[in-house]
Amino acid sequence: MRRKLVMAVLVTVCVILQSTVCPMIAIASIKPNLLIILTVSFGLMRGKRSGMLTGFCCGFLTDLFFESVIGLNALLYLWVGYFSGFFYRIFYDDDIKTPIFLISITDLVYGIVQYILMFLLRGRLQFFYYLGRIIIPEVIYTLLVTIVFYQIFYHINKRVSITEKRSAGNIV
């Protein structure tokens, strides 16, 4: 129960930060994607199921508040969480290289899929312009923000896991 409450609070806080603080710290209209960081982090730390649930919630709230098409981001973030959950078994606590690599690849693929679904299908064929001016700078900015936010998410997850283990020990 505590884990679900913590996840709901984290998703809500990240959606609020994504919509309020990130536009204020945007550089040339490029802002970091906190929801990708959250989804990949919990997919890595907790596995496929937690990654999918976190991703779906992040995507659904993004669709609900910011997009005209409901379900597209929910589906994309769900897949991001599922994909990152595959790396759950090779995840090491003290190694930040795996999350940084996975977040960069995920954000790159997310940007390309967003381009295909939102622009290419409308006849806007300037892929390399979009790649160089929006996707790559967003990936770099997201990686810089990942260094801080991943540590926060990691410590929150660790604290919740310790609390769950204590609670389980008290029941038995």
N, C-alpha and C. Protein backbone atom coordinates (compact mmCIF):
# COMPACT_ATOMS: atom_id res chain seq x y z
N MET A 1 0.83 -1.20 0.00
CA MET A 1 0.00 0.00 0.00
C MET A 1 0.87 1.26 0.00
N ARG A 2 1.92 1.24 0.82
CA ARG A 2 2.80 2.40 0.92
C ARG A 2 3.50 2.66 -0.41
N ARG A 3 3.92 1.59 -1.09
CA ARG A 3 4.60 1.74 -2.38
C ARG A 3 3.67 2.40 -3.40
N LYS A 4 2.42 2.00 -3.43
CA LYS A 4 1.48 2.59 -4.38
C LYS A 4 1.25 4.06 -4.08
N LEU A 5 1.17 4.40 -2.82
CA LEU A 5 0.99 5.80 -2.44
C LEU A 5 2.21 6.63 -2.83
N VAL A 6 3.40 6.10 -2.58
CA VAL A 6 4.62 6.80 -2.94
C VAL A 6 4.70 6.97 -4.46
N MET A 7 4.35 5.94 -5.22
CA MET A 7 4.38 6.03 -6.68
C MET A 7 3.36 7.07 -7.18
N ALA A 8 2.19 7.10 -6.59
CA ALA A 8 1.18 8.09 -7.00
C ALA A 8 1.68 9.51 -6.73
N VAL A 9 2.30 9.70 -5.59
CA VAL A 9 2.85 11.02 -5.26
C VAL A 9 3.98 11.39 -6.22
N LEU A 10 4.88 10.45 -6.49
CA LEU A 10 5.99 10.72 -7.41
C LEU A 10 5.50 11.05 -8.82
N VAL A 11 4.55 10.29 -9.32
CA VAL A 11 4.02 10.55 -10.66
C VAL A 11 3.36 11.94 -10.68
N THR A 12 2.57 12.25 -9.66
CA THR A 12 1.90 13.54 -9.60
C THR A 12 2.90 14.68 -9.53
N VAL A 13 3.91 14.54 -8.69
CA VAL A 13 4.93 15.59 -8.55
C VAL A 13 5.69 15.77 -9.86
N CYS A 14 6.04 14.68 -10.52
CA CYS A 14 6.77 14.78 -11.79
C CYS A 14 5.93 15.41 -12.89
N VAL A 15 4.64 15.09 -12.94
CA VAL A 15 3.76 15.71 -13.93
C VAL A 15 3.65 17.21 -13.65
N ILE A 16 3.54 17.57 -12.38
CA ILE A 16 3.46 18.99 -12.03
C ILE A 16 4.77 19.70 -12.37
N LEU A 17 5.90 19.08 -12.03
CA LEU A 17 7.20 19.68 -12.37
C LEU A 17 7.38 19.78 -13.88
N GLN A 18 6.95 18.76 -14.60
CA GLN A 18 7.07 18.75 -16.06
C GLN A 18 6.27 19.89 -16.68
N SER A 19 5.14 20.21 -16.08
CA SER A 19 4.28 21.24 -16.67
C SER A 19 4.54 22.64 -16.14
N THR A 20 5.20 22.77 -14.99
CA THR A 20 5.40 24.10 -14.43
C THR A 20 6.86 24.54 -14.41
N VAL A 21 7.72 23.72 -13.85
CA VAL A 21 9.12 24.11 -13.69
C VAL A 21 9.91 23.90 -14.98
N CYS A 22 9.70 22.80 -15.65
CA CYS A 22 10.46 22.50 -16.87
C CYS A 22 10.31 23.56 -17.96
N PRO A 23 9.13 24.11 -18.20
CA PRO A 23 9.07 25.20 -19.18
C PRO A 23 9.86 26.44 -18.77
N MET A 24 9.99 26.66 -17.46
CA MET A 24 10.77 27.81 -17.00
C MET A 24 12.27 27.60 -17.15
N ILE A 25 12.73 26.35 -17.13
CA ILE A 25 14.16 26.08 -17.28
C ILE A 25 14.49 25.60 -18.70
N ALA A 26 13.54 25.74 -19.59
CA ALA A 26 13.75 25.32 -20.98
C ALA A 26 14.83 26.17 -21.64
N ILE A 27 15.64 25.52 -22.43
CA ILE A 27 16.68 26.19 -23.21
C ILE A 27 16.29 26.04 -24.67
N ALA A 28 16.01 27.18 -25.32
CA ALA A 28 15.57 27.18 -26.73
C ALA A 28 14.35 26.28 -26.93
N SER A 29 13.41 26.37 -26.04
CA SER A 29 12.16 25.58 -26.07
C SER A 29 12.39 24.09 -25.88
N ILE A 30 13.58 23.69 -25.43
CA ILE A 30 13.87 22.28 -25.15
C ILE A 30 13.84 22.10 -23.63
N LYS A 31 13.03 21.15 -23.19
CA LYS A 31 12.94 20.89 -21.75
C LYS A 31 13.20 19.41 -21.48
N PRO A 32 13.70 19.10 -20.29
CA PRO A 32 13.97 17.69 -19.96
C PRO A 32 12.67 16.92 -19.78
N ASN A 33 12.74 15.62 -19.98
CA ASN A 33 11.58 14.76 -19.86
C ASN A 33 11.67 13.99 -18.54
N LEU A 34 11.11 14.56 -17.49
CA LEU A 34 11.15 13.94 -16.16
C LEU A 34 10.37 12.64 -16.11
N LEU A 35 9.33 12.54 -16.92
CA LEU A 35 8.49 11.34 -16.89
C LEU A 35 9.21 10.13 -17.48
N ILE A 36 10.07 10.36 -18.47
CA ILE A 36 10.90 9.27 -18.99
C ILE A 36 11.88 8.82 -17.91
N ILE A 37 12.47 9.78 -17.21
CA ILE A 37 13.41 9.45 -16.14
C ILE A 37 12.72 8.61 -15.06
N LEU A 38 11.53 9.03 -14.65
CA LEU A 38 10.79 8.30 -13.62
C LEU A 38 10.41 6.90 -14.09
N THR A 39 9.88 6.80 -15.29
CA THR A 39 9.44 5.51 -15.82
C THR A 39 10.60 4.53 -15.96
N VAL A 40 11.69 4.98 -16.56
CA VAL A 40 12.85 4.10 -16.75
C VAL A 40 13.46 3.73 -15.40
N SER A 41 13.53 4.69 -14.49
CA SER A 41 14.12 4.42 -13.17
C SER A 41 13.36 3.32 -12.44
N PHE A 42 12.06 3.42 -12.41
CA PHE A 42 11.30 2.41 -11.69
C PHE A 42 11.17 1.11 -12.45
N GLY A 43 11.28 1.15 -13.76
CA GLY A 43 11.38 -0.10 -14.52
C GLY A 43 12.67 -0.83 -14.18
N LEU A 44 13.75 -0.07 -14.08
CA LEU A 44 15.04 -0.66 -13.71
C LEU A 44 15.06 -1.18 -12.28
N MET A 45 14.53 -0.40 -11.37
CA MET A 45 14.62 -0.74 -9.95
C MET A 45 13.60 -1.77 -9.50
N ARG A 46 12.43 -1.82 -10.17
CA ARG A 46 11.36 -2.68 -9.69
C ARG A 46 10.90 -3.74 -10.68
N GLY A 47 11.29 -3.63 -11.94
CA GLY A 47 10.89 -4.64 -12.92
C GLY A 47 9.84 -4.17 -13.90
N LYS A 48 9.43 -5.09 -14.77
CA LYS A 48 8.52 -4.78 -15.87
C LYS A 48 7.16 -4.26 -15.39
N ARG A 49 6.61 -4.95 -14.43
CA ARG A 49 5.26 -4.59 -13.99
C ARG A 49 5.21 -3.18 -13.40
N SER A 50 6.16 -2.87 -12.54
CA SER A 50 6.20 -1.54 -11.95
C SER A 50 6.52 -0.48 -13.00
N GLY A 51 7.41 -0.81 -13.91
CA GLY A 51 7.73 0.12 -14.99
C GLY A 51 6.53 0.40 -15.87
N MET A 52 5.78 -0.65 -16.19
CA MET A 52 4.59 -0.47 -17.03
C MET A 52 3.53 0.36 -16.32
N LEU A 53 3.31 0.09 -15.05
CA LEU A 53 2.31 0.83 -14.29
C LEU A 53 2.70 2.30 -14.16
N THR A 54 3.96 2.55 -13.84
CA THR A 54 4.45 3.92 -13.74
C THR A 54 4.34 4.62 -15.09
N GLY A 55 4.76 3.94 -16.14
CA GLY A 55 4.70 4.52 -17.48
C GLY A 55 3.28 4.83 -17.92
N PHE A 56 2.37 3.90 -17.66
CA PHE A 56 0.99 4.14 -18.05
C PHE A 56 0.42 5.35 -17.32
N CYS A 57 0.67 5.44 -16.02
CA CYS A 57 0.16 6.58 -15.25
C CYS A 57 0.75 7.90 -15.73
N CYS A 58 2.06 7.91 -15.97
CA CYS A 58 2.71 9.13 -16.49
C CYS A 58 2.14 9.51 -17.85
N GLY A 59 2.03 8.55 -18.73
CA GLY A 59 1.52 8.82 -20.06
C GLY A 59 0.06 9.24 -20.08
N PHE A 60 -0.74 8.58 -19.25
CA PHE A 60 -2.16 8.92 -19.21
C PHE A 60 -2.38 10.33 -18.69
N LEU A 61 -1.64 10.70 -17.64
CA LEU A 61 -1.77 12.07 -17.13
C LEU A 61 -1.27 13.09 -18.14
N THR A 62 -0.21 12.76 -18.86
CA THR A 62 0.27 13.64 -19.92
C THR A 62 -0.79 13.80 -21.00
N ASP A 63 -1.39 12.71 -21.41
CA ASP A 63 -2.46 12.78 -22.42
C ASP A 63 -3.65 13.58 -21.91
N LEU A 64 -4.02 13.33 -20.68
CA LEU A 64 -5.20 13.96 -20.11
C LEU A 64 -5.06 15.48 -20.01
N PHE A 65 -3.89 15.94 -19.61
CA PHE A 65 -3.71 17.37 -19.37
C PHE A 65 -3.10 18.15 -20.53
N PHE A 66 -2.33 17.50 -21.40
CA PHE A 66 -1.55 18.27 -22.36
C PHE A 66 -1.77 17.90 -23.83
N GLU A 67 -2.36 16.79 -24.12
CA GLU A 67 -2.47 16.34 -25.51
C GLU A 67 -3.92 16.30 -25.96
N SER A 68 -4.11 16.35 -27.26
CA SER A 68 -5.46 16.26 -27.81
C SER A 68 -5.87 14.81 -28.07
N VAL A 69 -4.89 13.93 -28.20
CA VAL A 69 -5.16 12.51 -28.44
C VAL A 69 -4.90 11.75 -27.14
N ILE A 70 -5.93 11.14 -26.59
CA ILE A 70 -5.77 10.43 -25.33
C ILE A 70 -5.40 8.99 -25.62
N GLY A 71 -4.34 8.53 -24.97
CA GLY A 71 -3.91 7.15 -25.08
C GLY A 71 -2.57 6.96 -25.76
N LEU A 72 -2.16 7.90 -26.59
CA LEU A 72 -0.91 7.75 -27.32
C LEU A 72 0.29 7.77 -26.39
N ASN A 73 0.40 8.78 -25.55
CA ASN A 73 1.50 8.84 -24.60
C ASN A 73 1.40 7.73 -23.56
N ALA A 74 0.18 7.39 -23.16
CA ALA A 74 0.01 6.30 -22.21
C ALA A 74 0.59 5.01 -22.76
N LEU A 75 0.34 4.74 -24.02
CA LEU A 75 0.87 3.55 -24.66
C LEU A 75 2.39 3.63 -24.81
N LEU A 76 2.90 4.78 -25.23
CA LEU A 76 4.35 4.94 -25.39
C LEU A 76 5.09 4.78 -24.07
N TYR A 77 4.61 5.44 -23.03
CA TYR A 77 5.26 5.34 -21.72
C TYR A 77 5.12 3.93 -21.14
N LEU A 78 4.00 3.27 -21.40
CA LEU A 78 3.83 1.88 -20.96
C LEU A 78 4.92 1.01 -21.58
N TRP A 79 5.17 1.19 -22.88
CA TRP A 79 6.22 0.42 -23.55
C TRP A 79 7.61 0.78 -23.02
N VAL A 80 7.81 2.04 -22.69
CA VAL A 80 9.09 2.46 -22.11
C VAL A 80 9.32 1.74 -20.78
N GLY A 81 8.30 1.69 -19.94
CA GLY A 81 8.41 1.00 -18.66
C GLY A 81 8.63 -0.49 -18.83
N TYR A 82 7.94 -1.08 -19.78
CA TYR A 82 8.11 -2.51 -20.04
C TYR A 82 9.52 -2.82 -20.54
N PHE A 83 9.99 -2.03 -21.49
CA PHE A 83 11.33 -2.23 -22.04
C PHE A 83 12.41 -2.06 -20.97
N SER A 84 12.28 -1.04 -20.15
CA SER A 84 13.30 -0.83 -19.11
C SER A 84 13.23 -1.91 -18.03
N GLY A 85 12.08 -2.53 -17.86
CA GLY A 85 11.96 -3.61 -16.89
C GLY A 85 12.77 -4.84 -17.28
N PHE A 86 13.11 -4.98 -18.56
CA PHE A 86 13.97 -6.09 -18.99
C PHE A 86 15.36 -6.00 -18.37
N PHE A 87 15.79 -4.82 -18.03
CA PHE A 87 17.13 -4.62 -17.49
C PHE A 87 17.16 -4.70 -15.97
N TYR A 88 16.06 -5.10 -15.37
CA TYR A 88 15.95 -5.21 -13.92
C TYR A 88 16.98 -6.19 -13.34
N ARG A 89 17.22 -7.27 -14.00
CA ARG A 89 18.14 -8.31 -13.50
C ARG A 89 19.60 -7.91 -13.60
N ILE A 90 19.95 -7.02 -14.54
CA ILE A 90 21.35 -6.62 -14.67
C ILE A 90 21.62 -5.27 -14.03
N PHE A 91 20.66 -4.76 -13.27
CA PHE A 91 20.78 -3.46 -12.63
C PHE A 91 21.61 -3.59 -11.36
N TYR A 92 22.58 -2.70 -11.21
CA TYR A 92 23.39 -2.64 -10.00
C TYR A 92 23.15 -1.31 -9.32
N ASP A 93 23.03 -1.35 -8.02
CA ASP A 93 22.67 -0.15 -7.26
C ASP A 93 23.64 1.01 -7.43
N ASP A 94 24.92 0.72 -7.40
CA ASP A 94 25.91 1.79 -7.38
C ASP A 94 26.34 2.24 -8.78
N ASP A 95 25.80 1.65 -9.81
CA ASP A 95 26.20 1.96 -11.18
C ASP A 95 25.17 2.86 -11.84
N ILE A 96 25.56 4.07 -12.18
CA ILE A 96 24.63 5.01 -12.82
C ILE A 96 24.74 4.95 -14.34
N LYS A 97 25.71 4.20 -14.85
CA LYS A 97 25.89 4.12 -16.30
C LYS A 97 24.71 3.44 -16.99
N THR A 98 24.18 2.38 -16.41
CA THR A 98 23.05 1.68 -17.01
C THR A 98 21.82 2.58 -17.11
N PRO A 99 21.42 3.27 -16.02
CA PRO A 99 20.26 4.16 -16.15
C PRO A 99 20.49 5.29 -17.16
N ILE A 100 21.68 5.86 -17.17
CA ILE A 100 21.94 6.96 -18.11
C ILE A 100 21.87 6.45 -19.55
N PHE A 101 22.47 5.32 -19.82
CA PHE A 101 22.42 4.74 -21.16
C PHE A 101 20.98 4.41 -21.57
N LEU A 102 20.26 3.77 -20.67
CA LEU A 102 18.89 3.36 -20.99
C LEU A 102 17.97 4.57 -21.16
N ILE A 103 18.14 5.59 -20.32
CA ILE A 103 17.30 6.79 -20.44
C ILE A 103 17.61 7.52 -21.74
N SER A 104 18.88 7.56 -22.14
CA SER A 104 19.21 8.24 -23.39
C SER A 104 18.63 7.51 -24.60
N ILE A 105 18.77 6.20 -24.63
CA ILE A 105 18.20 5.42 -25.74
C ILE A 105 16.68 5.54 -25.75
N THR A 106 16.07 5.44 -24.59
CA THR A 106 14.62 5.51 -24.49
C THR A 106 14.10 6.87 -24.93
N ASP A 107 14.77 7.94 -24.49
CA ASP A 107 14.32 9.28 -24.87
C ASP A 107 14.50 9.51 -26.37
N LEU A 108 15.56 8.98 -26.93
CA LEU A 108 15.79 9.08 -28.37
C LEU A 108 14.69 8.36 -29.15
N VAL A 109 14.41 7.13 -28.77
CA VAL A 109 13.36 6.35 -29.44
C VAL A 109 11.99 7.01 -29.24
N TYR A 110 11.74 7.50 -28.03
CA TYR A 110 10.48 8.19 -27.74
C TYR A 110 10.31 9.41 -28.65
N GLY A 111 11.37 10.19 -28.82
CA GLY A 111 11.31 11.36 -29.69
C GLY A 111 11.07 10.99 -31.14
N ILE A 112 11.71 9.93 -31.59
CA ILE A 112 11.52 9.49 -32.98
C ILE A 112 10.09 8.99 -33.21
N VAL A 113 9.58 8.22 -32.27
CA VAL A 113 8.20 7.72 -32.39
C VAL A 113 7.21 8.88 -32.34
N GLN A 114 7.47 9.86 -31.44
CA GLN A 114 6.61 11.04 -31.38
C GLN A 114 6.62 11.77 -32.73
N TYR A 115 7.80 11.90 -33.33
CA TYR A 115 7.90 12.55 -34.64
C TYR A 115 7.08 11.80 -35.68
N ILE A 116 7.22 10.48 -35.71
CA ILE A 116 6.51 9.67 -36.70
C ILE A 116 5.00 9.81 -36.53
N LEU A 117 4.53 9.70 -35.30
CA LEU A 117 3.09 9.70 -35.06
C LEU A 117 2.47 11.09 -35.13
N MET A 118 3.22 12.12 -34.75
CA MET A 118 2.62 13.46 -34.68
C MET A 118 2.94 14.34 -35.89
N PHE A 119 4.08 14.11 -36.54
CA PHE A 119 4.47 15.01 -37.62
C PHE A 119 4.56 14.32 -38.98
N LEU A 120 5.20 13.18 -39.05
CA LEU A 120 5.40 12.50 -40.32
C LEU A 120 4.06 12.12 -40.95
N LEU A 121 3.15 11.65 -40.15
CA LEU A 121 1.84 11.26 -40.68
C LEU A 121 1.02 12.46 -41.15
N ARG A 122 1.43 13.67 -40.77
CA ARG A 122 0.77 14.89 -41.23
C ARG A 122 1.47 15.48 -42.45
N GLY A 123 2.50 14.81 -42.92
CA GLY A 123 3.19 15.26 -44.12
C GLY A 123 4.38 16.16 -43.88
N ARG A 124 4.79 16.32 -42.65
CA ARG A 124 5.98 17.13 -42.34
C ARG A 124 7.20 16.22 -42.42
N LEU A 125 7.99 16.40 -43.44
CA LEU A 125 9.07 15.47 -43.76
C LEU A 125 10.46 15.96 -43.36
N GLN A 126 10.57 16.90 -42.46
CA GLN A 126 11.87 17.45 -42.07
C GLN A 126 12.44 16.68 -40.88
N PHE A 127 12.70 15.39 -41.06
CA PHE A 127 13.14 14.55 -39.96
C PHE A 127 14.48 15.00 -39.39
N PHE A 128 15.46 15.28 -40.23
CA PHE A 128 16.78 15.63 -39.73
C PHE A 128 16.78 16.97 -39.01
N TYR A 129 15.94 17.88 -39.44
CA TYR A 129 15.77 19.14 -38.72
C TYR A 129 15.21 18.86 -37.33
N TYR A 130 14.17 18.06 -37.27
CA TYR A 130 13.53 17.70 -36.00
C TYR A 130 14.51 16.94 -35.10
N LEU A 131 15.27 16.04 -35.70
CA LEU A 131 16.25 15.27 -34.94
C LEU A 131 17.33 16.18 -34.35
N GLY A 132 17.88 17.05 -35.14
CA GLY A 132 18.97 17.91 -34.69
C GLY A 132 18.55 19.05 -33.80
N ARG A 133 17.33 19.55 -33.97
CA ARG A 133 16.89 20.72 -33.21
C ARG A 133 16.04 20.39 -32.00
N ILE A 134 15.43 19.22 -31.97
CA ILE A 134 14.53 18.91 -30.86
C ILE A 134 14.92 17.61 -30.15
N ILE A 135 15.04 16.51 -30.89
CA ILE A 135 15.24 15.21 -30.25
C ILE A 135 16.60 15.13 -29.55
N ILE A 136 17.69 15.37 -30.25
CA ILE A 136 19.03 15.25 -29.66
C ILE A 136 19.23 16.23 -28.50
N PRO A 137 18.87 17.53 -28.65
CA PRO A 137 19.02 18.43 -27.49
C PRO A 137 18.19 17.99 -26.28
N GLU A 138 16.98 17.45 -26.53
CA GLU A 138 16.17 16.98 -25.41
C GLU A 138 16.83 15.78 -24.72
N VAL A 139 17.42 14.89 -25.50
CA VAL A 139 18.12 13.74 -24.92
C VAL A 139 19.28 14.22 -24.04
N ILE A 140 20.04 15.18 -24.53
CA ILE A 140 21.18 15.69 -23.76
C ILE A 140 20.71 16.39 -22.49
N TYR A 141 19.69 17.21 -22.60
CA TYR A 141 19.16 17.92 -21.43
C TYR A 141 18.58 16.93 -20.42
N THR A 142 17.88 15.93 -20.91
CA THR A 142 17.32 14.91 -20.02
C THR A 142 18.43 14.15 -19.30
N LEU A 143 19.53 13.87 -19.99
CA LEU A 143 20.65 13.17 -19.35
C LEU A 143 21.27 14.01 -18.24
N LEU A 144 21.38 15.29 -18.44
CA LEU A 144 21.93 16.16 -17.39
C LEU A 144 21.02 16.18 -16.17
N VAL A 145 19.74 16.21 -16.39
CA VAL A 145 18.78 16.22 -15.28
C VAL A 145 18.70 14.84 -14.63
N THR A 146 18.97 13.79 -15.40
CA THR A 146 18.94 12.42 -14.88
C THR A 146 19.92 12.23 -13.73
N ILE A 147 21.06 12.84 -13.82
CA ILE A 147 22.09 12.67 -12.78
C ILE A 147 21.54 13.05 -11.42
N VAL A 148 20.71 14.09 -11.35
CA VAL A 148 20.13 14.51 -10.07
C VAL A 148 18.89 13.69 -9.73
N PHE A 149 17.95 13.62 -10.66
CA PHE A 149 16.66 12.99 -10.36
C PHE A 149 16.76 11.49 -10.15
N TYR A 150 17.65 10.83 -10.87
CA TYR A 150 17.78 9.39 -10.68
C TYR A 150 18.22 9.08 -9.25
N GLN A 151 19.13 9.86 -8.72
CA GLN A 151 19.59 9.65 -7.35
C GLN A 151 18.44 9.82 -6.36
N ILE A 152 17.59 10.80 -6.60
CA ILE A 152 16.43 11.03 -5.73
C ILE A 152 15.49 9.83 -5.80
N PHE A 153 15.17 9.39 -7.01
CA PHE A 153 14.26 8.25 -7.17
C PHE A 153 14.85 6.98 -6.57
N TYR A 154 16.15 6.81 -6.73
CA TYR A 154 16.82 5.64 -6.19
C TYR A 154 16.72 5.61 -4.66
N HIS A 155 16.97 6.74 -4.02
CA HIS A 155 16.91 6.78 -2.55
C HIS A 155 15.48 6.62 -2.03
N ILE A 156 14.52 7.17 -2.74
CA ILE A 156 13.12 6.97 -2.35
C ILE A 156 12.75 5.50 -2.46
N ASN A 157 13.12 4.86 -3.56
CA ASN A 157 12.82 3.43 -3.74
C ASN A 157 13.52 2.59 -2.67
N LYS A 158 14.75 2.92 -2.36
CA LYS A 158 15.49 2.18 -1.35
C LYS A 158 14.83 2.31 0.03
N ARG A 159 14.40 3.51 0.36
CA ARG A 159 13.75 3.74 1.66
C ARG A 159 12.42 2.98 1.75
N VAL A 160 11.65 2.99 0.66
CA VAL A 160 10.37 2.27 0.65
C VAL A 160 10.62 0.77 0.75
N SER A 161 11.63 0.26 0.09
CA SER A 161 11.95 -1.18 0.15
C SER A 161 12.36 -1.58 1.56
N ILE A 162 13.15 -0.76 2.22
CA ILE A 162 13.57 -1.06 3.60
C ILE A 162 12.36 -1.06 4.52
N THR A 163 11.47 -0.10 4.33
CA THR A 163 10.26 -0.04 5.16
C THR A 163 9.37 -1.26 4.92
N GLU A 164 9.26 -1.70 3.67
CA GLU A 164 8.47 -2.89 3.37
C GLU A 164 9.07 -4.13 4.01
N LYS A 165 10.38 -4.25 4.01
CA LYS A 165 11.04 -5.41 4.61
C LYS A 165 10.82 -5.43 6.11
N ARG A 166 10.88 -4.25 6.74
CA ARG A 166 10.63 -4.19 8.18
C ARG A 166 9.20 -4.59 8.50
N SER A 167 8.26 -4.08 7.69
CA SER A 167 6.85 -4.40 7.91
C SER A 167 6.59 -5.89 7.72
N ALA A 168 7.23 -6.48 6.72
CA ALA A 168 7.06 -7.91 6.48
C ALA A 168 7.66 -8.72 7.63
N GLY A 169 8.76 -8.25 8.20
CA GLY A 169 9.39 -8.93 9.32
C GLY A 169 8.55 -8.87 10.57
N ASN A 170 7.80 -7.79 10.77
CA ASN A 170 6.95 -7.64 11.94
C ASN A 170 5.72 -8.53 11.87
N ILE A 171 5.24 -8.81 10.67
CA ILE A 171 4.05 -9.64 10.51
C ILE A 171 4.36 -11.09 10.83
N VAL A 172 5.50 -11.55 10.39
CA VAL A 172 5.86 -12.96 10.55
C VAL A 172 6.22 -13.27 11.93
